[in-house]
C-alpha atoms as a PDB file:
ATOM      1  CA  UNK A   1      14.448  24.803 -12.096  1.00  0.00           C
ATOM      2  CA  UNK A   2      10.692  24.876 -11.683  1.00  0.00           C
ATOM      3  CA  UNK A   3       9.635  21.420 -10.429  1.00  0.00           C
ATOM      4  CA  UNK A   4       5.995  22.375  -9.981  1.00  0.00           C
ATOM      5  CA  UNK A   5       4.799  20.882 -13.296  1.00  0.00           C
ATOM      6  CA  UNK A   6       6.546  17.577 -12.458  1.00  0.00           C
ATOM      7  CA  UNK A   7       4.983  17.244  -9.022  1.00  0.00           C
ATOM      8  CA  UNK A   8       1.391  18.054 -10.042  1.00  0.00           C
ATOM      9  CA  UNK A   9       0.688  14.642 -11.639  1.00  0.00           C
ATOM     10  CA  UNK A  10       2.052  12.914  -8.548  1.00  0.00           C
ATOM     11  CA  UNK A  11      -0.169  14.985  -6.250  1.00  0.00           C
ATOM     12  CA  UNK A  12      -3.181  14.251  -8.434  1.00  0.00           C
ATOM     13  CA  UNK A  13      -2.326  10.549  -8.503  1.00  0.00           C
ATOM     14  CA  UNK A  14      -1.949  10.518  -4.710  1.00  0.00           C
ATOM     15  CA  UNK A  15      -5.334  12.151  -4.185  1.00  0.00           C
ATOM     16  CA  UNK A  16      -7.167   9.883  -6.612  1.00  0.00           C
ATOM     17  CA  UNK A  17      -5.450   6.726  -5.347  1.00  0.00           C
ATOM     18  CA  UNK A  18      -6.127   7.467  -1.689  1.00  0.00           C
ATOM     19  CA  UNK A  19      -9.717   8.459  -2.356  1.00  0.00           C
ATOM     20  CA  UNK A  20     -10.603   5.464  -4.515  1.00  0.00           C
ATOM     21  CA  UNK A  21      -8.874   2.934  -2.291  1.00  0.00           C
ATOM     22  CA  UNK A  22      -9.746   4.130   1.204  1.00  0.00           C
ATOM     23  CA  UNK A  23     -13.195   5.712   0.914  1.00  0.00           C
ATOM     24  CA  UNK A  24     -15.236   2.489   1.279  1.00  0.00           C
ATOM     25  CA  UNK A  25     -12.650   0.106   2.665  1.00  0.00           C
ATOM     26  CA  UNK A  26     -14.787  -1.211   5.502  1.00  0.00           C
ATOM     27  CA  UNK A  27     -18.163  -1.073   3.763  1.00  0.00           C
ATOM     28  CA  UNK A  28     -19.039  -4.760   3.386  1.00  0.00           C
ATOM     29  CA  UNK A  29     -18.625  -8.154   4.942  1.00  0.00           C
ATOM     30  CA  UNK A  30     -15.589 -10.251   4.174  1.00  0.00           C
ATOM     31  CA  UNK A  31     -15.527 -11.868   0.732  1.00  0.00           C
ATOM     32  CA  UNK A  32     -14.122 -15.228  -0.425  1.00  0.00           C
ATOM     33  CA  UNK A  33     -10.357 -14.755  -0.475  1.00  0.00           C
ATOM     34  CA  UNK A  34     -10.488 -12.453   2.554  1.00  0.00           C
ATOM     35  CA  UNK A  35     -12.125 -15.182   4.628  1.00  0.00           C
ATOM     36  CA  UNK A  36      -9.424 -17.633   3.581  1.00  0.00           C
ATOM     37  CA  UNK A  37      -6.701 -15.204   4.698  1.00  0.00           C
ATOM     38  CA  UNK A  38      -8.334 -14.919   8.127  1.00  0.00           C
ATOM     39  CA  UNK A  39      -7.879 -18.622   8.826  1.00  0.00           C
ATOM     40  CA  UNK A  40      -5.136 -19.276  11.324  1.00  0.00           C
ATOM     41  CA  UNK A  41      -3.361 -22.441  12.464  1.00  0.00           C
ATOM     42  CA  UNK A  42      -5.429 -24.762  14.599  1.00  0.00           C
ATOM     43  CA  UNK A  43      -4.237 -25.223  18.183  1.00  0.00           C
ATOM     44  CA  UNK A  44      -1.185 -27.457  18.161  1.00  0.00           C
ATOM     45  CA  UNK A  45      -0.451 -26.936  14.465  1.00  0.00           C
ATOM     46  CA  UNK A  46       3.000 -25.659  13.592  1.00  0.00           C
ATOM     47  CA  UNK A  47       2.952 -22.225  11.909  1.00  0.00           C
ATOM     48  CA  UNK A  48       5.468 -23.304   9.262  1.00  0.00           C
ATOM     49  CA  UNK A  49       3.394 -26.369   8.375  1.00  0.00           C
ATOM     50  CA  UNK A  50       0.258 -24.223   8.187  1.00  0.00           C
ATOM     51  CA  UNK A  51       1.899 -21.742   5.813  1.00  0.00           C
ATOM     52  CA  UNK A  52       3.255 -24.484   3.540  1.00  0.00           C
ATOM     53  CA  UNK A  53      -0.206 -26.093   3.319  1.00  0.00           C
ATOM     54  CA  UNK A  54      -1.714 -22.910   1.876  1.00  0.00           C
ATOM     55  CA  UNK A  55      -1.876 -22.242  -1.853  1.00  0.00           C
ATOM     56  CA  UNK A  56      -1.190 -18.535  -1.427  1.00  0.00           C
ATOM     57  CA  UNK A  57       1.803 -16.539  -0.299  1.00  0.00           C
ATOM     58  CA  UNK A  58       2.633 -16.485   3.399  1.00  0.00           C
ATOM     59  CA  UNK A  59       2.650 -12.710   3.793  1.00  0.00           C
ATOM     60  CA  UNK A  60      -1.130 -12.337   3.940  1.00  0.00           C
ATOM     61  CA  UNK A  61      -1.369 -14.947   6.699  1.00  0.00           C
ATOM     62  CA  UNK A  62       1.395 -13.270   8.687  1.00  0.00           C
ATOM     63  CA  UNK A  63      -0.303  -9.875   8.329  1.00  0.00           C
ATOM     64  CA  UNK A  64      -3.692 -11.221   9.409  1.00  0.00           C
ATOM     65  CA  UNK A  65      -2.022 -12.899  12.380  1.00  0.00           C
ATOM     66  CA  UNK A  66      -0.590  -9.522  13.417  1.00  0.00           C
ATOM     67  CA  UNK A  67      -4.004  -7.899  12.935  1.00  0.00           C
ATOM     68  CA  UNK A  68      -5.492 -10.555  15.217  1.00  0.00           C
ATOM     69  CA  UNK A  69      -3.301  -9.191  18.019  1.00  0.00           C
ATOM     70  CA  UNK A  70      -5.111  -5.831  17.717  1.00  0.00           C
ATOM     71  CA  UNK A  71      -8.569  -7.033  16.648  1.00  0.00           C
ATOM     72  CA  UNK A  72      -8.968 -10.679  17.833  1.00  0.00           C
ATOM     73  CA  UNK A  73     -12.459 -11.181  16.392  1.00  0.00           C
ATOM     74  CA  UNK A  74     -11.791  -9.460  13.030  1.00  0.00           C
ATOM     75  CA  UNK A  75     -14.963  -7.398  13.494  1.00  0.00           C
ATOM     76  CA  UNK A  76     -13.344  -4.249  12.098  1.00  0.00           C
ATOM     77  CA  UNK A  77     -13.179  -4.866   8.335  1.00  0.00           C
ATOM     78  CA  UNK A  78     -11.460  -1.521   7.746  1.00  0.00           C
ATOM     79  CA  UNK A  79      -8.562  -2.457  10.026  1.00  0.00           C
ATOM     80  CA  UNK A  80      -8.229  -5.909   8.472  1.00  0.00           C
ATOM     81  CA  UNK A  81      -8.136  -4.496   4.928  1.00  0.00           C
ATOM     82  CA  UNK A  82      -5.969  -1.449   5.649  1.00  0.00           C
ATOM     83  CA  UNK A  83      -2.497  -3.092   5.327  1.00  0.00           C
ATOM     84  CA  UNK A  84      -3.435  -4.601   1.976  1.00  0.00           C
ATOM     85  CA  UNK A  85      -4.883  -1.291   0.758  1.00  0.00           C
ATOM     86  CA  UNK A  86      -1.701   0.523   1.755  1.00  0.00           C
ATOM     87  CA  UNK A  87       0.344  -2.031  -0.176  1.00  0.00           C
ATOM     88  CA  UNK A  88      -1.840  -1.404  -3.224  1.00  0.00           C
ATOM     89  CA  UNK A  89      -1.450   2.358  -2.874  1.00  0.00           C
ATOM     90  CA  UNK A  90       2.325   2.030  -2.650  1.00  0.00           C
ATOM     91  CA  UNK A  91       2.293  -0.218  -5.721  1.00  0.00           C
ATOM     92  CA  UNK A  92       0.583   2.544  -7.723  1.00  0.00           C
ATOM     93  CA  UNK A  93       3.354   4.976  -6.846  1.00  0.00           C
ATOM     94  CA  UNK A  94       6.147   2.506  -7.553  1.00  0.00           C
ATOM     95  CA  UNK A  95       4.709   1.605 -10.932  1.00  0.00           C
ATOM     96  CA  UNK A  96       4.030   5.253 -11.781  1.00  0.00           C
END
């Protein structure tokens, strides 16, 4: 009935995952694939056509569009990277 030994690895994994992923999230300028995800449809371009012209999945473009509502100039790298970091953190727990 003692679940303490089962929960300790999960707590350790949570601490290490959060620390490694979030500690320097906004430390540098945008890199190659991040810049591509920040591109949005040109004025007059249909969103569906824009998404189908990309070679990557549509979710990252939808997320960056939502981030643009909060941070229109994308000057806060931490905020722009946070949703993707959270998805990576959740992936660690699901795969664990």
